[in-house]
Amino acid sequence: MGGITLKKGESLSSAIKSAKAKSEGQQESVAPDGLSLSVKDTDFLLKLIMESSFKGTELEQAYKVTKKLAEEHRRSVET
């Protein structure tokens, strides 16, 4: 899997599950307004997040997003 496609309003975890299903041979349609993230894209976003600072109220959400993004990046690099 070289990257994932996020459909408008779709969560990252849902997009990851769809990409995994697709890589296992299951059919999936890609929305024309979808967002595709390559390894370079996820790497760039992770670097930006690591260099950023967050308010205490945003810390939990920042952690969750970073964890999801790192997992997707790791999967993309391994394939």
N, C-alpha and C. Protein backbone atom coordinates (compact mmCIF):
# COMPACT_ATOMS: atom_id res chain seq x y z
N MET A 1 0.85 -1.17 0.00
CA MET A 1 0.00 0.00 0.00
C MET A 1 0.90 1.23 0.00
N GLY A 2 0.82 2.06 -1.03
CA GLY A 2 1.65 3.24 -1.13
C GLY A 2 1.10 4.43 -0.40
N GLY A 3 -0.15 4.45 -0.07
CA GLY A 3 -0.79 5.56 0.63
C GLY A 3 -2.25 5.23 0.86
N ILE A 4 -2.95 6.15 1.50
CA ILE A 4 -4.37 5.94 1.74
C ILE A 4 -5.17 7.07 1.12
N THR A 5 -6.45 6.84 0.96
CA THR A 5 -7.33 7.86 0.42
C THR A 5 -8.39 8.17 1.47
N LEU A 6 -8.46 9.44 1.87
CA LEU A 6 -9.48 9.88 2.82
C LEU A 6 -10.62 10.49 2.05
N LYS A 7 -11.81 9.94 2.23
CA LYS A 7 -13.00 10.52 1.61
C LYS A 7 -13.48 11.66 2.50
N LYS A 8 -14.16 12.61 1.92
CA LYS A 8 -14.66 13.76 2.66
C LYS A 8 -15.50 13.28 3.85
N GLY A 9 -15.12 13.70 5.06
CA GLY A 9 -15.84 13.33 6.27
C GLY A 9 -15.46 11.97 6.84
N GLU A 10 -14.52 11.27 6.23
CA GLU A 10 -14.13 9.94 6.68
C GLU A 10 -12.99 10.03 7.69
N SER A 11 -13.00 9.18 8.69
CA SER A 11 -11.93 9.17 9.68
C SER A 11 -10.71 8.45 9.12
N LEU A 12 -9.56 8.75 9.70
CA LEU A 12 -8.32 8.12 9.26
C LEU A 12 -8.38 6.61 9.48
N SER A 13 -8.91 6.17 10.63
CA SER A 13 -8.96 4.73 10.90
C SER A 13 -9.85 4.01 9.90
N SER A 14 -10.95 4.64 9.50
CA SER A 14 -11.83 4.04 8.50
C SER A 14 -11.12 3.94 7.15
N ALA A 15 -10.39 4.99 6.80
CA ALA A 15 -9.64 4.98 5.53
C ALA A 15 -8.55 3.91 5.55
N ILE A 16 -7.93 3.72 6.70
CA ILE A 16 -6.88 2.71 6.82
C ILE A 16 -7.48 1.32 6.65
N LYS A 17 -8.65 1.08 7.28
CA LYS A 17 -9.32 -0.22 7.13
C LYS A 17 -9.70 -0.47 5.68
N SER A 18 -10.17 0.56 5.00
CA SER A 18 -10.55 0.41 3.59
C SER A 18 -9.33 0.11 2.73
N ALA A 19 -8.22 0.79 3.01
CA ALA A 19 -6.99 0.55 2.25
C ALA A 19 -6.48 -0.86 2.49
N LYS A 20 -6.59 -1.33 3.75
CA LYS A 20 -6.15 -2.69 4.05
C LYS A 20 -7.02 -3.71 3.32
N ALA A 21 -8.32 -3.48 3.32
CA ALA A 21 -9.24 -4.38 2.61
C ALA A 21 -8.92 -4.39 1.13
N LYS A 22 -8.65 -3.23 0.58
CA LYS A 22 -8.32 -3.13 -0.84
C LYS A 22 -7.03 -3.89 -1.15
N SER A 23 -6.03 -3.77 -0.27
CA SER A 23 -4.76 -4.45 -0.50
C SER A 23 -4.91 -5.96 -0.37
N GLU A 24 -5.96 -6.41 0.33
CA GLU A 24 -6.22 -7.85 0.47
C GLU A 24 -7.10 -8.37 -0.65
N GLY A 25 -7.33 -7.56 -1.67
CA GLY A 25 -8.06 -8.01 -2.84
C GLY A 25 -9.52 -7.63 -2.88
N GLN A 26 -10.03 -6.93 -1.88
CA GLN A 26 -11.42 -6.53 -1.87
C GLN A 26 -11.56 -5.23 -2.65
N GLN A 27 -12.69 -5.07 -3.33
CA GLN A 27 -12.94 -3.88 -4.14
C GLN A 27 -13.38 -2.71 -3.27
N GLU A 28 -12.94 -1.52 -3.62
CA GLU A 28 -13.35 -0.31 -2.93
C GLU A 28 -13.38 0.81 -3.95
N SER A 29 -14.41 1.63 -3.90
CA SER A 29 -14.46 2.78 -4.80
C SER A 29 -13.83 3.98 -4.11
N VAL A 30 -13.12 4.77 -4.88
CA VAL A 30 -12.45 5.96 -4.35
C VAL A 30 -13.24 7.18 -4.76
N ALA A 31 -13.60 7.99 -3.78
CA ALA A 31 -14.36 9.20 -4.06
C ALA A 31 -13.48 10.18 -4.84
N PRO A 32 -14.05 10.88 -5.82
CA PRO A 32 -13.26 11.83 -6.60
C PRO A 32 -12.73 12.98 -5.76
N ASP A 33 -13.39 13.27 -4.62
CA ASP A 33 -12.92 14.35 -3.77
C ASP A 33 -12.06 13.84 -2.61
N GLY A 34 -11.56 12.60 -2.73
CA GLY A 34 -10.75 11.98 -1.68
C GLY A 34 -9.36 12.61 -1.59
N LEU A 35 -8.72 12.35 -0.48
CA LEU A 35 -7.38 12.86 -0.22
C LEU A 35 -6.45 11.67 -0.11
N SER A 36 -5.40 11.65 -0.90
CA SER A 36 -4.45 10.56 -0.88
C SER A 36 -3.18 11.01 -0.16
N LEU A 37 -2.71 10.21 0.82
CA LEU A 37 -1.50 10.53 1.57
C LEU A 37 -0.41 9.53 1.23
N SER A 38 0.69 10.02 0.70
CA SER A 38 1.83 9.17 0.39
C SER A 38 2.74 9.07 1.61
N VAL A 39 3.78 8.27 1.52
CA VAL A 39 4.76 8.15 2.59
C VAL A 39 5.40 9.51 2.86
N LYS A 40 5.70 10.24 1.79
CA LYS A 40 6.29 11.58 1.96
C LYS A 40 5.33 12.51 2.68
N ASP A 41 4.04 12.40 2.37
CA ASP A 41 3.03 13.24 3.02
C ASP A 41 2.96 12.96 4.52
N THR A 42 2.87 11.67 4.88
CA THR A 42 2.77 11.34 6.30
C THR A 42 4.05 11.70 7.04
N ASP A 43 5.19 11.51 6.40
CA ASP A 43 6.47 11.89 7.00
C ASP A 43 6.51 13.40 7.28
N PHE A 44 6.10 14.17 6.30
CA PHE A 44 6.06 15.63 6.44
C PHE A 44 5.14 16.05 7.59
N LEU A 45 3.93 15.47 7.63
CA LEU A 45 2.98 15.82 8.68
C LEU A 45 3.50 15.43 10.06
N LEU A 46 4.12 14.27 10.17
CA LEU A 46 4.68 13.86 11.46
C LEU A 46 5.79 14.81 11.91
N LYS A 47 6.63 15.25 10.99
CA LYS A 47 7.69 16.20 11.34
C LYS A 47 7.10 17.52 11.81
N LEU A 48 6.06 18.00 11.13
CA LEU A 48 5.41 19.24 11.55
C LEU A 48 4.82 19.11 12.95
N ILE A 49 4.17 17.99 13.20
CA ILE A 49 3.58 17.77 14.53
C ILE A 49 4.66 17.73 15.60
N MET A 50 5.77 17.05 15.33
CA MET A 50 6.85 16.94 16.31
C MET A 50 7.46 18.30 16.64
N GLU A 51 7.45 19.21 15.69
CA GLU A 51 8.02 20.54 15.90
C GLU A 51 7.01 21.53 16.47
N SER A 52 5.77 21.09 16.66
CA SER A 52 4.70 21.96 17.12
C SER A 52 4.53 21.89 18.64
N SER A 53 3.82 22.88 19.16
CA SER A 53 3.44 22.84 20.57
C SER A 53 1.92 22.93 20.65
N PHE A 54 1.36 22.32 21.68
CA PHE A 54 -0.08 22.23 21.82
C PHE A 54 -0.50 22.69 23.21
N LYS A 55 -1.68 23.29 23.30
CA LYS A 55 -2.26 23.67 24.57
C LYS A 55 -2.67 22.40 25.30
N GLY A 56 -2.77 22.49 26.60
CA GLY A 56 -3.16 21.33 27.40
C GLY A 56 -4.49 20.74 26.97
N THR A 57 -5.42 21.59 26.57
CA THR A 57 -6.74 21.10 26.16
C THR A 57 -6.68 20.36 24.83
N GLU A 58 -5.64 20.56 24.04
CA GLU A 58 -5.50 19.92 22.73
C GLU A 58 -4.55 18.73 22.76
N LEU A 59 -3.91 18.51 23.90
CA LEU A 59 -2.86 17.51 23.99
C LEU A 59 -3.35 16.09 23.71
N GLU A 60 -4.49 15.71 24.26
CA GLU A 60 -5.01 14.36 24.04
C GLU A 60 -5.34 14.12 22.57
N GLN A 61 -5.99 15.11 21.94
CA GLN A 61 -6.33 14.97 20.52
C GLN A 61 -5.06 14.93 19.66
N ALA A 62 -4.07 15.75 20.00
CA ALA A 62 -2.81 15.74 19.26
C ALA A 62 -2.14 14.37 19.36
N TYR A 63 -2.19 13.78 20.55
CA TYR A 63 -1.60 12.45 20.74
C TYR A 63 -2.31 11.40 19.88
N LYS A 64 -3.66 11.42 19.91
CA LYS A 64 -4.43 10.44 19.14
C LYS A 64 -4.15 10.56 17.64
N VAL A 65 -4.14 11.78 17.14
CA VAL A 65 -3.90 12.00 15.71
C VAL A 65 -2.48 11.57 15.34
N THR A 66 -1.52 11.94 16.17
CA THR A 66 -0.12 11.57 15.91
C THR A 66 0.05 10.06 15.90
N LYS A 67 -0.60 9.39 16.83
CA LYS A 67 -0.50 7.92 16.90
C LYS A 67 -1.07 7.29 15.64
N LYS A 68 -2.25 7.74 15.20
CA LYS A 68 -2.87 7.21 13.98
C LYS A 68 -1.99 7.47 12.76
N LEU A 69 -1.48 8.68 12.67
CA LEU A 69 -0.65 9.05 11.53
C LEU A 69 0.65 8.24 11.51
N ALA A 70 1.24 8.04 12.68
CA ALA A 70 2.47 7.24 12.77
C ALA A 70 2.22 5.79 12.37
N GLU A 71 1.08 5.24 12.78
CA GLU A 71 0.75 3.86 12.41
C GLU A 71 0.58 3.73 10.90
N GLU A 72 -0.11 4.68 10.30
CA GLU A 72 -0.29 4.65 8.84
C GLU A 72 1.06 4.82 8.13
N HIS A 73 1.89 5.72 8.63
CA HIS A 73 3.20 5.94 8.03
C HIS A 73 4.03 4.66 8.09
N ARG A 74 4.02 4.00 9.24
CA ARG A 74 4.78 2.76 9.42
C ARG A 74 4.29 1.69 8.44
N ARG A 75 2.97 1.56 8.30
CA ARG A 75 2.42 0.57 7.35
C ARG A 75 2.82 0.92 5.91
N SER A 76 2.78 2.18 5.58
CA SER A 76 3.11 2.60 4.20
C SER A 76 4.57 2.33 3.89
N VAL A 77 5.43 2.55 4.87
CA VAL A 77 6.87 2.34 4.67
C VAL A 77 7.16 0.85 4.51
N GLU A 78 6.43 0.02 5.25
CA GLU A 78 6.68 -1.44 5.23
C GLU A 78 6.21 -2.09 3.94
N THR A 79 5.33 -1.44 3.17
CA THR A 79 4.83 -2.07 1.95
C THR A 79 5.55 -1.59 0.73
